[in-house]
Every structure is written in structure tokens, then in C-alpha cells.
């Protein structure tokens, strides 16, 4: 595609609660040999985007020190390909895996590239995100979408990949009983993937009846509003069958503790939700005497193809999770809507 100067409207985080949709010219005209230029189509708003918008930081590690383009749950259409890109062509619709590792370190060689120290992850300071009209990305982390998979579904592959990784880390398979704590977007996709992985019984906890209603509608076998309940009362209500796997998606200390106490002996708890504190209290003795494994989850690795296969095959339907849609110029309104807490997944149309 012949390159020409064209507008590249981008949602730029300037300071706390201030997003400017402005033209951000490309850094260079020439693509690297392994890159593609993508005309962005759909970009979802993640909780991390909202947190940066509110606080300009997540903890002490990720601090926004200069204007940063937001967005990392994304899909679009290839408009230019680098000289060594053979698996994609102009016109292909793709989902973008937002994290690009160094590909050379021992961690990357082991296959767990999500833990690479040199990871460049979209919309994670100082790396700009994809909430813009055009974005250049490593072609190795762009996945062609089948004709029947929409760009909105392509954007949803990012949170779905978190669930694929979490359920894999938990080892969920046919016949498992699973507890999912937290019915936010990540908790909901974990319910979907757990059921698709063969879980016989999936129970979801939260303090919001509306979210629990959604959880049941997308596959949860049982839901429990834990507001005002003691841990023992919650465990008593687990249909008399202790879960052997638990996926913690809230980041709340009491939910982490519940997952560990509720899990049957020899079970596994996977911690997905990350709360505001670096350290929380966990029942270590209970973990030890019950031999409950507690495993962490940080993003994902090698999960986009599996997530795409789940959507393309119809085993997982992410469309019901998309509750609100906005244009790129309405980005601030979209973030204000996200802050209200009534939406599940907000998608921004970048064109």
C-alpha cells in the first residue's frame, strides 16, 4: 500500500481523568520486515485502562510519566505488510495479541513469554496502546479472523485469553467442580472457558445481583451473593459439593481466602484478580494441611489461537458480554460509562 500522510486519531491519556482524542502521526513511514500496519476496528476498554485514567499508575511498577495512548483489547484490518510477513496480506482482519516479548531470553525460549522482562505490552507505560485509527504491530502476534468472526469478537479474544490461561493453570477438565469468585468481565469469561473445558459444576460469587444474573445466563450452574454472608455460610451453600478448582477474579482479600478455604483437599486455586495491595493475608496453614496448590496468573502465553478456536467453533459466545458501544471521538464518555460499573464490556469503534 502506498504510504501517504493520513489522520491517525488516537485516545491519548494526558493526565488524571483527561483523555484527548487527537492526531498522532506515525513514528516512521517504513515498516520493519516483520511488522504489519493495521487499521484499527474494535478496541475494548479494560479495567487497567480505567485505572490508568483514574490514577495514572497501577501500583509502583507501572506509572504513566508521559502522554500515553490507551487500549490493548483490539482487532482491525491489515493495510500494509512488512517484507518478511508471509502469513498475512492486505485486507486480512486480525486480532492483535498486545504483548510482544523479546523472543530471545531463556523465559521466551521456555514458552512462557508472558513473563519476559522485556515485554512490550500495549497501553502499559511507556508503551502506547491501540486505541487509535492506525497501529503498527509485530505480525507474529496478529491472528487472522475467519470470515464469520466479527472484529468485536476479535477484540474480546484478549480477555478470553486470560481465561484460557487461568483454566489451563488450574488444570480444569471434564468432571471438575469450579468456584469462580468475582463476576466482572474476567470472571465471566472464566465461567465460559471452564464450562467449555468440561467442568460439570461452576459456581460464581459476587456482591452484585445484576452481574450474578449475567453469570447464570452465560453458563454458571449456581450463583451466590456473598454480601453480608460469613465464609462458613458461603461454603455451606456450595450445593454440598466442595469445588476442587477455584479461580479468583476479584482481587479482594476475603475472596482469595474464601477460594482457599472452600477448595477441597488436593485442589487448586488460581489467582487472577490483582487488588491494590502488594501483600494480603492468606491461610497458609490451611493451604498446607489440605495440600491446596495456589498458582498465579499474569496475562497469558500461547492462548490466542485457543481463544480464537473457542469463538470460531461456537463453544464460547462472547457477544452477550458486549453491553455498550462508542465511537473513538466518544472515548471520554466510554470511560465515564465504565466508571459507573453498570457495563460489562465496552467496545470502541475506531473508524
Protein backbone atom coordinates (compact mmCIF):
# COMPACT_ATOMS: atom_id res chain seq x y z
CA UNK A 1 0.00 0.00 0.00
CA UNK A 2 1.45 3.34 -0.96
CA UNK A 3 2.09 5.36 2.17
CA UNK A 4 0.59 8.79 2.45
CA UNK A 5 0.03 11.25 5.22
CA UNK A 6 -3.29 10.46 6.82
CA UNK A 7 -5.02 11.30 10.02
CA UNK A 8 -4.39 8.93 12.91
CA UNK A 9 -6.83 9.93 15.64
CA UNK A 10 -5.72 8.41 18.94
CA UNK A 11 -7.09 8.38 22.50
CA UNK A 12 -4.22 9.90 24.49
CA UNK A 13 -4.17 9.86 28.28
CA UNK A 14 -2.78 13.29 29.24
CA UNK A 15 -3.31 13.39 32.98
CA UNK A 16 -5.74 12.06 35.59
CA UNK A 17 -9.25 11.85 34.13
CA UNK A 18 -8.15 13.62 30.96
CA UNK A 19 -8.20 11.88 27.57
CA UNK A 20 -7.58 13.81 24.38
CA UNK A 21 -8.60 12.34 21.02
CA UNK A 22 -6.02 13.83 18.72
CA UNK A 23 -3.97 13.16 15.62
CA UNK A 24 -0.77 11.28 16.46
CA UNK A 25 1.39 10.99 13.33
CA UNK A 26 3.20 7.67 12.75
CA UNK A 27 6.74 7.45 14.09
CA UNK A 28 8.09 6.39 10.72
CA UNK A 29 6.90 5.60 7.23
CA UNK A 30 8.72 2.30 6.76
CA UNK A 31 7.61 -0.89 8.47
CA UNK A 32 10.09 -3.29 9.97
CA UNK A 33 10.25 -6.50 7.93
CA UNK A 34 8.19 -8.46 10.47
CA UNK A 35 5.51 -5.87 11.15
CA UNK A 36 2.06 -5.02 9.81
CA UNK A 37 0.13 -1.79 9.80
CA UNK A 38 -3.45 -2.26 10.97
CA UNK A 39 -6.47 -0.03 10.51
CA UNK A 40 -7.99 -0.49 13.93
CA UNK A 41 -11.59 -1.61 14.10
CA UNK A 42 -12.75 -2.59 17.60
CA UNK A 43 -10.98 -1.88 20.88
CA UNK A 44 -12.35 -2.93 24.26
CA UNK A 45 -11.93 -0.99 27.49
CA UNK A 46 -10.13 -2.99 30.17
CA UNK A 47 -10.09 -2.34 33.89
CA UNK A 48 -6.41 -1.43 33.62
CA UNK A 49 -7.25 1.32 31.10
CA UNK A 50 -9.76 2.78 33.55
CA UNK A 51 -7.27 2.53 36.41
CA UNK A 52 -4.60 4.43 34.45
CA UNK A 53 -7.22 7.04 33.55
CA UNK A 54 -8.14 7.47 37.21
CA UNK A 55 -4.73 7.23 38.85
CA UNK A 56 -2.02 7.45 36.13
CA UNK A 57 -0.48 4.32 37.62
CA UNK A 58 -1.02 0.74 38.70
CA UNK A 59 0.98 0.18 41.85
CA UNK A 60 4.55 1.40 41.89
CA UNK A 61 5.71 -0.56 38.85
CA UNK A 62 3.51 0.83 36.06
CA UNK A 63 3.48 4.63 36.21
CA UNK A 64 2.36 6.92 33.37
CA UNK A 65 5.06 9.60 33.18
CA UNK A 66 4.23 10.97 29.74
CA UNK A 67 1.14 11.08 27.47
CA UNK A 68 0.15 7.51 26.56
CA UNK A 69 -2.31 6.08 24.05
CA UNK A 70 -4.74 3.72 25.79
CA UNK A 71 -6.21 0.38 24.70
CA UNK A 72 -4.96 -3.18 24.25
CA UNK A 73 -8.03 -5.37 23.57
CA UNK A 74 -8.07 -4.89 19.83
CA UNK A 75 -8.70 -6.03 16.30
CA UNK A 76 -8.58 -4.47 12.85
CA UNK A 77 -7.73 -4.86 9.18
CA UNK A 78 -4.23 -5.18 7.73
CA UNK A 79 -3.40 -2.30 5.37
CA UNK A 80 0.36 -2.84 4.94
CA UNK A 81 2.73 -5.78 5.47
CA UNK A 82 6.45 -5.95 6.09
CA UNK A 83 8.76 -7.60 3.59
CA UNK A 84 9.06 -10.88 5.52
CA UNK A 85 5.44 -11.30 6.54
CA UNK A 86 4.01 -14.29 4.69
CA UNK A 87 1.01 -15.43 6.76
CA UNK A 88 -0.93 -12.18 6.39
CA UNK A 89 -1.94 -9.99 3.47
CA UNK A 90 -3.61 -6.64 2.94
CA UNK A 91 -7.30 -6.92 3.74
CA UNK A 92 -6.98 -9.65 6.35
CA UNK A 93 -8.94 -9.00 9.53
CA UNK A 94 -6.84 -9.77 12.59
CA UNK A 95 -6.91 -9.88 16.38
CA UNK A 96 -3.84 -8.34 18.00
CA UNK A 97 -2.18 -10.04 20.94
CA UNK A 98 -0.97 -6.94 22.82
CA UNK A 99 2.19 -8.28 24.42
CA UNK A 100 5.35 -8.59 22.32
CA UNK A 101 8.28 -10.21 24.17
CA UNK A 102 11.98 -10.07 23.32
CA UNK A 103 11.83 -13.63 21.85
CA UNK A 104 15.48 -14.22 22.80
CA UNK A 105 15.70 -14.75 26.56
CA UNK A 106 15.52 -18.04 28.46
CA UNK A 107 11.95 -17.32 29.58
CA UNK A 108 10.81 -16.76 25.99
CA UNK A 109 12.60 -19.91 24.88
CA UNK A 110 10.73 -21.88 27.55
CA UNK A 111 7.41 -20.78 26.05
CA UNK A 112 6.32 -18.64 29.00
CA UNK A 113 6.94 -15.40 27.16
CA UNK A 114 4.30 -13.57 29.21
CA UNK A 115 6.94 -13.41 31.96
CA UNK A 116 9.62 -11.84 29.74
CA UNK A 117 11.41 -8.94 31.49
CA UNK A 118 11.50 -7.02 28.21
CA UNK A 119 7.82 -7.46 27.37
CA UNK A 120 6.34 -4.54 25.44
CA UNK A 121 2.64 -4.63 26.29
CA UNK A 122 0.23 -2.18 24.70
CA UNK A 123 -1.03 0.63 26.95
CA UNK A 124 1.40 -0.32 29.69
CA UNK A 125 3.80 2.57 30.34
CA UNK A 126 5.80 3.61 28.47
CA UNK A 127 4.29 1.62 25.55
CA UNK A 128 1.45 3.26 23.61
CA UNK A 129 -1.76 1.30 23.09
CA UNK A 130 -4.01 0.58 20.15
CA UNK A 131 -6.98 2.87 20.77
CA UNK A 132 -6.36 4.78 17.56
CA UNK A 133 -7.14 4.60 13.87
CA UNK A 134 -3.85 3.01 12.75
CA UNK A 135 -1.37 0.91 14.67
CA UNK A 136 1.84 -0.94 13.76
CA UNK A 137 2.27 -4.36 15.35
CA UNK A 138 4.53 -7.41 15.26
CA UNK A 139 2.93 -9.72 12.67
CA UNK A 140 3.77 -12.79 14.77
CA UNK A 141 1.21 -11.61 17.30
CA UNK A 142 -1.58 -10.93 14.81
CA UNK A 143 -4.12 -13.70 14.25
CA UNK A 144 -6.29 -13.85 11.15
CA UNK A 145 -10.00 -13.98 11.90
CA UNK A 146 -12.31 -16.35 10.00
CA UNK A 147 -15.00 -14.61 7.96
CA UNK A 148 -17.72 -15.48 10.47
CA UNK A 149 -15.87 -13.98 13.45
CA UNK A 150 -16.52 -10.25 13.86
CA UNK A 151 -13.98 -7.58 14.77
CA UNK A 152 -15.78 -7.11 18.09
CA UNK A 153 -15.30 -10.80 18.84
CA UNK A 154 -11.67 -10.41 17.78
CA UNK A 155 -11.18 -7.71 20.40
CA UNK A 156 -12.76 -9.99 23.00
CA UNK A 157 -10.05 -12.60 22.41
CA UNK A 158 -7.81 -10.63 24.78
CA UNK A 159 -9.85 -11.11 27.98
CA UNK A 160 -10.82 -14.57 26.76
CA UNK A 161 -7.13 -15.48 26.54
CA UNK A 162 -6.75 -14.57 30.21
CA UNK A 163 -9.43 -17.13 30.99
CA UNK A 164 -7.87 -19.76 28.72
CA UNK A 165 -4.58 -19.31 30.58
CA UNK A 166 -6.23 -19.36 34.01
CA UNK A 167 -8.23 -22.51 33.31
CA UNK A 168 -5.13 -24.16 31.91
CA UNK A 169 -3.12 -23.22 35.01
CA UNK A 170 -5.93 -24.68 37.13
CA UNK A 171 -5.97 -27.85 35.04
CA UNK A 172 -9.73 -27.74 34.58
CA UNK A 173 -11.10 -30.75 32.75
CA UNK A 174 -14.17 -32.95 32.45
CA UNK A 175 -15.99 -33.51 35.71
CA UNK A 176 -14.39 -30.72 37.73
CA UNK A 177 -16.33 -28.59 40.17
CA UNK A 178 -15.19 -24.97 39.87
CA UNK A 179 -15.66 -21.89 42.03
CA UNK A 180 -15.23 -18.51 40.30
CA UNK A 181 -15.02 -15.58 42.70
CA UNK A 182 -15.92 -12.29 41.05
CA UNK A 183 -18.42 -11.76 38.22
CA UNK A 184 -16.66 -8.97 36.39
CA UNK A 185 -15.65 -9.42 32.74
CA UNK A 186 -12.72 -11.70 33.62
CA UNK A 187 -14.80 -13.81 35.98
CA UNK A 188 -17.48 -14.19 33.32
CA UNK A 189 -15.10 -15.36 30.60
CA UNK A 190 -13.59 -17.81 33.09
CA UNK A 191 -17.05 -19.29 33.62
CA UNK A 192 -17.38 -19.73 29.86
CA UNK A 193 -13.98 -21.36 29.43
CA UNK A 194 -14.42 -23.59 32.49
CA UNK A 195 -17.68 -24.92 31.06
CA UNK A 196 -16.11 -25.34 27.62
CA UNK A 197 -13.27 -27.27 29.28
CA UNK A 198 -15.69 -29.80 30.72
CA UNK A 199 -16.43 -28.52 34.22
CA UNK A 200 -19.59 -30.18 35.49
CA UNK A 201 -20.46 -27.60 38.12
CA UNK A 202 -19.45 -23.92 38.08
CA UNK A 203 -20.44 -21.64 40.94
CA UNK A 204 -19.87 -17.88 40.86
CA UNK A 205 -19.78 -15.46 43.79
CA UNK A 206 -20.10 -11.68 43.78
CA UNK A 207 -21.85 -8.88 45.69
CA UNK A 208 -23.80 -7.57 42.68
CA UNK A 209 -27.06 -9.33 41.78
CA UNK A 210 -27.06 -7.95 38.23
CA UNK A 211 -23.64 -9.40 37.48
CA UNK A 212 -24.62 -12.70 39.05
CA UNK A 213 -27.68 -12.75 36.80
CA UNK A 214 -25.37 -12.40 33.81
CA UNK A 215 -23.11 -15.12 35.23
CA UNK A 216 -26.01 -17.55 35.34
CA UNK A 217 -27.16 -16.58 31.85
CA UNK A 218 -23.77 -17.39 30.32
CA UNK A 219 -23.31 -20.76 31.98
CA UNK A 220 -22.86 -20.64 35.76
CA UNK A 221 -24.75 -23.52 37.38
CA UNK A 222 -25.14 -21.66 40.66
CA UNK A 223 -24.53 -18.10 41.89
CA UNK A 224 -24.13 -16.76 45.40
CA UNK A 225 -24.37 -13.15 46.52
CA UNK A 226 -21.83 -13.15 49.35
CA UNK A 227 -22.68 -9.69 50.67
CA UNK A 228 -23.33 -10.00 54.40
CA UNK A 229 -22.54 -13.72 54.49
CA UNK A 230 -19.80 -15.28 56.56
CA UNK A 231 -17.24 -17.51 54.89
CA UNK A 232 -18.81 -20.56 56.53
CA UNK A 233 -22.26 -19.62 55.24
CA UNK A 234 -20.91 -19.29 51.71
CA UNK A 235 -19.17 -22.66 51.89
CA UNK A 236 -22.36 -24.27 53.24
CA UNK A 237 -24.22 -23.01 50.18
CA UNK A 238 -21.88 -24.62 47.65
CA UNK A 239 -24.54 -27.21 46.85
CA UNK A 240 -22.91 -29.64 49.25
CA UNK A 241 -20.05 -30.21 46.82
CA UNK A 242 -16.74 -28.54 47.52
CA UNK A 243 -15.02 -27.24 44.37
CA UNK A 244 -11.77 -28.94 43.50
CA UNK A 245 -10.72 -25.90 41.43
CA UNK A 246 -11.15 -22.22 42.19
CA UNK A 247 -10.43 -19.16 40.04
CA UNK A 248 -10.17 -15.91 41.98
CA UNK A 249 -11.04 -12.92 39.76
CA UNK A 250 -11.91 -10.12 42.19
CA UNK A 251 -8.57 -9.17 43.73
CA UNK A 252 -10.31 -8.88 47.12
CA UNK A 253 -8.53 -10.44 50.10
CA UNK A 254 -11.67 -12.07 51.52
CA UNK A 255 -12.36 -13.73 48.16
CA UNK A 256 -8.83 -15.13 47.97
CA UNK A 257 -9.29 -16.54 51.45
CA UNK A 258 -12.71 -17.95 50.54
CA UNK A 259 -11.28 -19.70 47.48
CA UNK A 260 -8.61 -21.42 49.58
CA UNK A 261 -10.94 -22.44 52.39
CA UNK A 262 -13.69 -23.61 50.01
CA UNK A 263 -11.41 -25.69 47.81
CA UNK A 264 -11.43 -29.41 48.54
CA UNK A 265 -8.26 -31.13 49.79
CA UNK A 266 -5.75 -31.59 46.99
CA UNK A 267 -7.44 -28.89 44.92
CA UNK A 268 -6.05 -25.89 43.11
CA UNK A 269 -6.67 -22.15 43.42
CA UNK A 270 -5.62 -19.82 40.61
CA UNK A 271 -5.30 -16.12 41.45
CA UNK A 272 -6.21 -13.91 38.50
CA UNK A 273 -7.55 -10.76 40.16
CA UNK A 274 -4.92 -8.29 41.33
CA UNK A 275 -6.03 -5.92 44.08
CA UNK A 276 -4.49 -2.60 45.16
CA UNK A 277 -2.22 -4.15 47.80
CA UNK A 278 1.05 -5.91 47.07
CA UNK A 279 0.58 -8.16 50.10
CA UNK A 280 -2.53 -9.80 51.56
CA UNK A 281 -3.17 -12.33 54.33
CA UNK A 282 -3.72 -15.90 53.20
CA UNK A 283 -4.48 -19.02 55.30
CA UNK A 284 -1.10 -20.68 54.81
CA UNK A 285 -1.68 -23.45 57.34
CA UNK A 286 -4.98 -24.39 55.67
CA UNK A 287 -3.22 -24.47 52.31
CA UNK A 288 -0.54 -26.74 53.74
CA UNK A 289 -2.69 -29.28 55.58
CA UNK A 290 -5.15 -29.52 52.67
CA UNK A 291 -2.36 -29.55 50.08
CA UNK A 292 -4.16 -26.88 48.10
CA UNK A 293 -1.98 -25.54 45.29
CA UNK A 294 -2.15 -21.77 44.79
CA UNK A 295 -0.96 -20.55 41.40
CA UNK A 296 -0.57 -17.11 39.96
CA UNK A 297 -1.69 -15.89 36.56
CA UNK A 298 -0.12 -12.98 34.71
CA UNK A 299 -1.73 -12.25 31.36
CA UNK A 300 -1.26 -15.31 29.09
CA UNK A 301 1.05 -17.10 26.68
CA UNK A 302 0.20 -19.18 23.59
CA UNK A 303 -3.50 -18.70 24.30
CA UNK A 304 -4.80 -16.54 21.44
CA UNK A 305 -5.11 -19.47 18.99
CA UNK A 306 -7.07 -21.46 21.59
CA UNK A 307 -9.31 -18.49 22.40
CA UNK A 308 -9.98 -17.93 18.70
CA UNK A 309 -10.79 -21.62 18.24
CA UNK A 310 -13.33 -21.48 21.08
CA UNK A 311 -15.09 -18.50 19.49
CA UNK A 312 -14.87 -19.73 15.90
CA UNK A 313 -16.27 -23.14 16.84
CA UNK A 314 -19.16 -21.65 18.78
CA UNK A 315 -18.11 -23.31 22.03
CA UNK A 316 -17.83 -19.86 23.61
CA UNK A 317 -20.08 -16.93 22.71
CA UNK A 318 -18.59 -13.64 23.90
CA UNK A 319 -21.14 -11.40 22.18
CA UNK A 320 -23.55 -11.24 25.16
CA UNK A 321 -20.79 -9.64 27.24
CA UNK A 322 -20.64 -6.57 24.99
CA UNK A 323 -23.09 -4.14 26.57
CA UNK A 324 -22.03 -0.70 25.31
CA UNK A 325 -20.54 0.75 22.13
CA UNK A 326 -18.95 4.12 21.42
CA UNK A 327 -17.01 5.86 18.65
CA UNK A 328 -13.37 6.86 19.02
CA UNK A 329 -14.38 10.50 19.45
CA UNK A 330 -16.64 9.41 22.33
CA UNK A 331 -13.78 7.80 24.26
CA UNK A 332 -14.15 10.00 27.35
CA UNK A 333 -17.87 9.18 27.51
CA UNK A 334 -17.00 5.49 27.17
CA UNK A 335 -14.61 5.70 30.14
CA UNK A 336 -17.16 7.59 32.21
CA UNK A 337 -19.64 4.81 31.46
CA UNK A 338 -17.09 2.19 32.52
CA UNK A 339 -16.57 4.02 35.81
CA UNK A 340 -20.29 3.76 36.64
CA UNK A 341 -19.89 -0.02 36.89
CA UNK A 342 -23.09 -0.87 35.02
CA UNK A 343 -21.42 -2.03 31.81
CA UNK A 344 -19.76 -5.39 31.33
CA UNK A 345 -17.65 -4.85 28.23
CA UNK A 346 -17.44 -1.58 26.34
CA UNK A 347 -16.25 -1.61 22.74
CA UNK A 348 -14.96 1.46 20.91
CA UNK A 349 -15.23 1.64 17.10
CA UNK A 350 -12.01 3.27 15.92
CA UNK A 351 -13.23 4.15 12.42
